[in-house]
């Protein structure tokens, strides 16, 4: 359950990170696709900054997901070990 703006930003950021890693993309890869720096992607993923509406649409397009999929909070935030598994699978490929 989302209780405040910071929680919402963090959840969106975690979804961006999870979906980016699932594609095997780096923060730089996603940043290049959006026309922003990897530092900006880091800020999105940590929930420090929120993308603009147009940025949100570009993120969905770059990650090949619908807005509903990006905002799927019924799906719990990815576990750290799930992120590690995705990273490990990319390294082994």
C-alpha atoms as a PDB file:
ATOM      1  CA  UNK A   1       0.000   0.000   0.000  1.00  0.00           C
ATOM      2  CA  UNK A   2       1.277   3.434  -0.929  1.00  0.00           C
ATOM      3  CA  UNK A   3       1.229   5.766   2.039  1.00  0.00           C
ATOM      4  CA  UNK A   4       2.996   8.866   0.710  1.00  0.00           C
ATOM      5  CA  UNK A   5       4.723  10.459  -2.294  1.00  0.00           C
ATOM      6  CA  UNK A   6       8.138   9.143  -1.267  1.00  0.00           C
ATOM      7  CA  UNK A   7       6.831   5.572  -1.107  1.00  0.00           C
ATOM      8  CA  UNK A   8       5.265   5.965  -4.559  1.00  0.00           C
ATOM      9  CA  UNK A   9       8.508   7.340  -6.033  1.00  0.00           C
ATOM     10  CA  UNK A  10      10.527   4.516  -4.481  1.00  0.00           C
ATOM     11  CA  UNK A  11       8.139   1.852  -5.826  1.00  0.00           C
ATOM     12  CA  UNK A  12       8.213   3.322  -9.333  1.00  0.00           C
ATOM     13  CA  UNK A  13      12.002   3.450  -9.137  1.00  0.00           C
ATOM     14  CA  UNK A  14      12.232  -0.170  -8.046  1.00  0.00           C
ATOM     15  CA  UNK A  15       9.979  -1.223 -10.922  1.00  0.00           C
ATOM     16  CA  UNK A  16      12.139   0.733 -13.381  1.00  0.00           C
ATOM     17  CA  UNK A  17      15.259  -0.967 -12.015  1.00  0.00           C
ATOM     18  CA  UNK A  18      13.705  -4.432 -12.072  1.00  0.00           C
ATOM     19  CA  UNK A  19      12.392  -4.049 -15.615  1.00  0.00           C
ATOM     20  CA  UNK A  20      15.691  -2.538 -16.824  1.00  0.00           C
ATOM     21  CA  UNK A  21      17.679  -5.419 -15.368  1.00  0.00           C
ATOM     22  CA  UNK A  22      15.217  -7.941 -16.794  1.00  0.00           C
ATOM     23  CA  UNK A  23      16.109  -6.567 -20.232  1.00  0.00           C
ATOM     24  CA  UNK A  24      19.807  -6.720 -19.447  1.00  0.00           C
ATOM     25  CA  UNK A  25      20.188  -2.962 -19.898  1.00  0.00           C
ATOM     26  CA  UNK A  26      22.559  -0.770 -17.932  1.00  0.00           C
ATOM     27  CA  UNK A  27      21.615   2.583 -16.449  1.00  0.00           C
ATOM     28  CA  UNK A  28      23.638   4.160 -19.264  1.00  0.00           C
ATOM     29  CA  UNK A  29      21.692   2.174 -21.872  1.00  0.00           C
ATOM     30  CA  UNK A  30      18.373   3.366 -20.484  1.00  0.00           C
ATOM     31  CA  UNK A  31      19.679   6.906 -20.076  1.00  0.00           C
ATOM     32  CA  UNK A  32      20.796   6.999 -23.708  1.00  0.00           C
ATOM     33  CA  UNK A  33      17.386   5.771 -24.847  1.00  0.00           C
ATOM     34  CA  UNK A  34      15.713   8.543 -22.835  1.00  0.00           C
ATOM     35  CA  UNK A  35      18.230  11.289 -23.582  1.00  0.00           C
ATOM     36  CA  UNK A  36      19.298  11.618 -19.933  1.00  0.00           C
ATOM     37  CA  UNK A  37      22.408  10.688 -17.973  1.00  0.00           C
ATOM     38  CA  UNK A  38      22.884   7.449 -16.081  1.00  0.00           C
ATOM     39  CA  UNK A  39      22.939   9.600 -12.931  1.00  0.00           C
ATOM     40  CA  UNK A  40      19.355  10.647 -13.676  1.00  0.00           C
ATOM     41  CA  UNK A  41      18.375   6.984 -14.045  1.00  0.00           C
ATOM     42  CA  UNK A  42      19.998   6.317 -10.653  1.00  0.00           C
ATOM     43  CA  UNK A  43      17.858   9.075  -9.146  1.00  0.00           C
ATOM     44  CA  UNK A  44      14.698   7.637 -10.690  1.00  0.00           C
ATOM     45  CA  UNK A  45      15.541   4.170  -9.403  1.00  0.00           C
ATOM     46  CA  UNK A  46      16.228   5.410  -5.874  1.00  0.00           C
ATOM     47  CA  UNK A  47      13.041   7.481  -5.860  1.00  0.00           C
ATOM     48  CA  UNK A  48      14.972  10.730  -5.468  1.00  0.00           C
ATOM     49  CA  UNK A  49      13.560  12.245  -8.678  1.00  0.00           C
ATOM     50  CA  UNK A  50      10.388  11.504 -10.588  1.00  0.00           C
ATOM     51  CA  UNK A  51      10.317  11.441 -14.393  1.00  0.00           C
ATOM     52  CA  UNK A  52       8.110  13.920 -16.199  1.00  0.00           C
ATOM     53  CA  UNK A  53       5.006  12.563 -17.875  1.00  0.00           C
ATOM     54  CA  UNK A  54       6.789  12.455 -21.230  1.00  0.00           C
ATOM     55  CA  UNK A  55       9.781  10.833 -19.488  1.00  0.00           C
ATOM     56  CA  UNK A  56       7.454   8.228 -18.003  1.00  0.00           C
ATOM     57  CA  UNK A  57       6.116   7.434 -21.480  1.00  0.00           C
ATOM     58  CA  UNK A  58       9.677   7.147 -22.830  1.00  0.00           C
ATOM     59  CA  UNK A  59      10.632   4.821 -19.975  1.00  0.00           C
ATOM     60  CA  UNK A  60       7.677   2.568 -20.776  1.00  0.00           C
ATOM     61  CA  UNK A  61       8.653   2.522 -24.438  1.00  0.00           C
ATOM     62  CA  UNK A  62      12.347   1.845 -23.719  1.00  0.00           C
ATOM     63  CA  UNK A  63      11.496  -0.967 -21.284  1.00  0.00           C
ATOM     64  CA  UNK A  64       8.840  -2.347 -23.654  1.00  0.00           C
ATOM     65  CA  UNK A  65       6.093  -2.242 -21.025  1.00  0.00           C
ATOM     66  CA  UNK A  66       2.726  -0.555 -20.722  1.00  0.00           C
ATOM     67  CA  UNK A  67       2.158   2.157 -18.114  1.00  0.00           C
ATOM     68  CA  UNK A  68       0.029  -0.351 -16.206  1.00  0.00           C
ATOM     69  CA  UNK A  69       2.915  -2.810 -16.103  1.00  0.00           C
ATOM     70  CA  UNK A  70       5.298  -0.151 -14.836  1.00  0.00           C
ATOM     71  CA  UNK A  71       2.831   0.843 -12.118  1.00  0.00           C
ATOM     72  CA  UNK A  72       1.912  -2.732 -11.175  1.00  0.00           C
ATOM     73  CA  UNK A  73       2.008  -2.343  -7.417  1.00  0.00           C
ATOM     74  CA  UNK A  74      -0.048  -5.493  -6.900  1.00  0.00           C
ATOM     75  CA  UNK A  75       3.189  -7.221  -7.728  1.00  0.00           C
ATOM     76  CA  UNK A  76       5.413  -6.695  -4.668  1.00  0.00           C
ATOM     77  CA  UNK A  77       8.645  -4.766  -5.201  1.00  0.00           C
ATOM     78  CA  UNK A  78      11.352  -7.087  -6.495  1.00  0.00           C
ATOM     79  CA  UNK A  79      13.380  -8.804  -3.829  1.00  0.00           C
ATOM     80  CA  UNK A  80      17.108  -7.985  -3.797  1.00  0.00           C
ATOM     81  CA  UNK A  81      17.885 -11.659  -4.511  1.00  0.00           C
ATOM     82  CA  UNK A  82      15.627 -11.497  -7.607  1.00  0.00           C
ATOM     83  CA  UNK A  83      17.663  -8.573  -8.888  1.00  0.00           C
ATOM     84  CA  UNK A  84      20.874 -10.514  -8.192  1.00  0.00           C
ATOM     85  CA  UNK A  85      19.488 -13.515 -10.105  1.00  0.00           C
ATOM     86  CA  UNK A  86      18.755 -11.319 -13.105  1.00  0.00           C
ATOM     87  CA  UNK A  87      22.233  -9.812 -12.978  1.00  0.00           C
ATOM     88  CA  UNK A  88      23.847 -13.250 -12.604  1.00  0.00           C
ATOM     89  CA  UNK A  89      21.881 -14.647 -15.545  1.00  0.00           C
ATOM     90  CA  UNK A  90      23.098 -11.750 -17.689  1.00  0.00           C
ATOM     91  CA  UNK A  91      26.702 -12.384 -16.702  1.00  0.00           C
ATOM     92  CA  UNK A  92      26.460 -16.087 -17.518  1.00  0.00           C
ATOM     93  CA  UNK A  93      24.802 -15.522 -20.901  1.00  0.00           C
END
